Protein backbone atom coordinates (compact mmCIF):
# COMPACT_ATOMS: atom_id res chain seq x y z
CA MET A 1 -0.02 0.01 0.06
CA LYS A 2 1.40 3.29 -1.02
CA LEU A 3 0.75 6.40 1.16
CA LEU A 4 -0.03 9.65 -0.67
CA LYS A 5 2.24 12.37 0.52
CA THR A 6 0.42 15.63 1.17
CA THR A 7 2.19 18.93 0.51
CA ARG A 8 1.45 22.12 2.02
CA PRO A 9 1.54 25.23 0.06
CA THR A 10 4.62 27.27 0.18
CA THR A 11 4.78 30.63 1.98
CA LYS A 12 4.45 32.35 -1.46
CA GLN A 13 1.52 30.31 -2.59
CA ALA A 14 -0.30 30.89 0.69
CA GLY A 15 0.32 34.68 0.40
CA ASP A 16 -0.83 34.66 -3.26
CA ALA A 17 -4.00 32.80 -2.24
CA ALA A 18 -4.67 35.42 0.68
CA GLU A 19 -4.02 38.29 -1.76
CA ASP A 20 -6.46 36.57 -4.30
CA ARG A 21 -9.19 36.47 -1.61
CA ALA A 22 -8.44 39.92 -0.46
CA LEU A 23 -8.79 41.23 -4.02
CA GLN A 24 -12.01 39.29 -4.70
CA HIS A 25 -13.48 40.87 -1.38
CA LEU A 26 -12.47 44.37 -2.51
CA GLN A 27 -13.59 44.00 -6.27
CA ALA A 28 -17.00 42.81 -4.79
CA ALA A 29 -17.09 46.09 -2.95
CA GLY A 30 -16.48 48.17 -6.13
CA LEU A 31 -12.82 48.68 -6.10
CA ARG A 32 -10.71 48.15 -9.06
CA LEU A 33 -7.23 46.69 -9.34
CA VAL A 34 -4.49 49.14 -10.38
CA GLN A 35 -1.30 47.08 -9.49
CA ARG A 36 -0.30 44.06 -7.62
CA ASN A 37 2.88 43.58 -5.68
CA TYR A 38 4.38 46.98 -6.33
CA ARG A 39 8.00 47.03 -4.96
CA THR A 40 10.62 49.86 -4.78
CA PRO A 41 13.92 49.19 -6.35
CA GLY A 42 16.93 48.27 -4.23
CA ARG A 43 17.46 46.75 -0.76
CA GLY A 44 15.42 47.89 2.18
CA GLY A 45 12.62 49.21 0.19
CA GLY A 46 9.02 48.47 0.44
CA GLU A 47 6.25 46.57 -1.12
CA ILE A 48 2.56 47.16 -1.56
CA ASP A 49 0.45 44.05 -1.91
CA LEU A 50 -2.34 45.65 -3.76
CA ILE A 51 -2.94 49.14 -5.14
CA VAL A 52 -6.62 49.66 -6.03
CA ARG A 53 -8.98 52.47 -6.90
CA ALA A 54 -12.11 53.06 -4.91
CA PRO A 55 -15.33 54.30 -6.91
CA ASP A 56 -14.87 57.91 -5.55
CA GLY A 57 -11.26 58.00 -7.14
CA THR A 58 -9.22 57.36 -3.95
CA LEU A 59 -6.13 55.39 -4.46
CA VAL A 60 -5.87 52.70 -1.84
CA PHE A 61 -2.77 51.05 -0.83
CA VAL A 62 -3.54 47.59 0.74
CA GLU A 63 -1.52 45.60 2.83
CA VAL A 64 -2.83 41.82 3.10
CA ARG A 65 -2.07 39.85 6.10
CA GLN A 66 -2.75 36.06 6.78
CA ARG A 67 -1.96 34.06 9.83
CA SER A 68 -3.02 30.58 10.47
CA SER A 69 -2.98 31.07 14.29
CA THR A 70 -4.01 33.77 16.54
CA ARG A 71 -1.42 32.88 19.28
CA HIS A 72 0.53 36.02 18.59
CA GLY A 73 -2.42 38.35 18.19
CA GLY A 74 -3.44 37.12 14.55
CA ALA A 75 -2.90 38.82 11.34
CA GLY A 76 -3.59 42.32 12.47
CA ALA A 77 -0.85 42.17 15.07
CA SER A 78 1.74 41.53 12.58
CA ILE A 79 1.70 44.90 11.25
CA SER A 80 4.49 46.72 12.95
CA VAL A 81 5.54 50.37 12.79
CA THR A 82 8.52 49.37 10.66
CA LYS A 83 6.23 47.42 8.29
CA GLN A 84 3.91 50.51 8.02
CA ARG A 85 7.09 52.71 7.23
CA ARG A 86 8.13 50.62 4.49
CA ILE A 87 4.55 50.58 3.00
CA ILE A 88 4.37 54.28 3.25
CA PHE A 89 7.80 54.43 1.57
CA ALA A 90 6.61 52.32 -1.37
CA ALA A 91 3.59 54.46 -1.66
CA ARG A 92 5.45 57.71 -1.92
CA HIS A 93 7.74 56.03 -4.44
CA TYR A 94 4.74 54.97 -6.52
CA LEU A 95 2.86 58.39 -6.22
CA MET A 96 6.12 60.16 -7.46
CA ARG A 97 5.47 58.76 -10.92
CA LEU A 98 1.83 60.07 -11.22
CA PRO A 99 1.25 63.47 -12.87
CA GLN A 100 -1.15 64.35 -10.13
CA MET A 101 -1.62 63.50 -6.46
CA PRO A 102 -4.85 61.56 -6.06
CA PRO A 103 -6.71 61.29 -2.64
CA CYS A 104 -5.02 58.17 -0.95
CA ARG A 105 -5.34 55.93 2.09
CA PHE A 106 -3.78 52.87 3.66
CA ASP A 107 -6.13 49.86 4.19
CA VAL A 108 -5.37 46.43 5.66
CA VAL A 109 -7.24 43.12 4.68
CA LEU A 110 -7.05 40.50 7.25
CA VAL A 111 -7.29 36.93 5.97
CA GLU A 112 -7.96 34.33 8.52
CA ASP A 113 -11.14 32.27 8.80
CA THR A 114 -12.96 35.34 7.27
CA VAL A 115 -11.94 38.38 5.38
CA GLN A 116 -11.76 41.57 7.44
CA TRP A 117 -11.27 44.85 5.56
CA LEU A 118 -9.98 47.68 7.86
CA GLN A 119 -10.33 50.98 5.84
CA GLY A 120 -7.81 53.83 6.87
CA ALA A 121 -5.80 51.37 9.05
CA PHE A 122 -2.96 53.84 9.43
CA ASP A 123 -1.65 57.14 8.11
CA ALA A 124 1.41 58.42 6.46
CA GLY A 125 1.65 60.96 9.15
């Protein structure tokens, strides 16, 4: 008798699946995808999981967080001040390429058993 080996998804595959779920949730709410996985060049830069546009024209920079366990506070607790700074850095880099500054905000989508969308989760301050 041969046992089937079960493979767990890689961290990248799990992250991509969480981003897919988050994007579906946002699109169902009327937001439109502008760009996915925007990265600044060089080391130490930042990354934005999803950049979407709200129906009112607001450009929304979205951080998607997934955790399989809530032992350490869950997905929401994993967004440190350092992580926020990197997202803000990447957003500023992205915005420099645009001819005009649109209204913007930073949202977080937590993917656990359910999808939770936190609008205006933090500021560029």
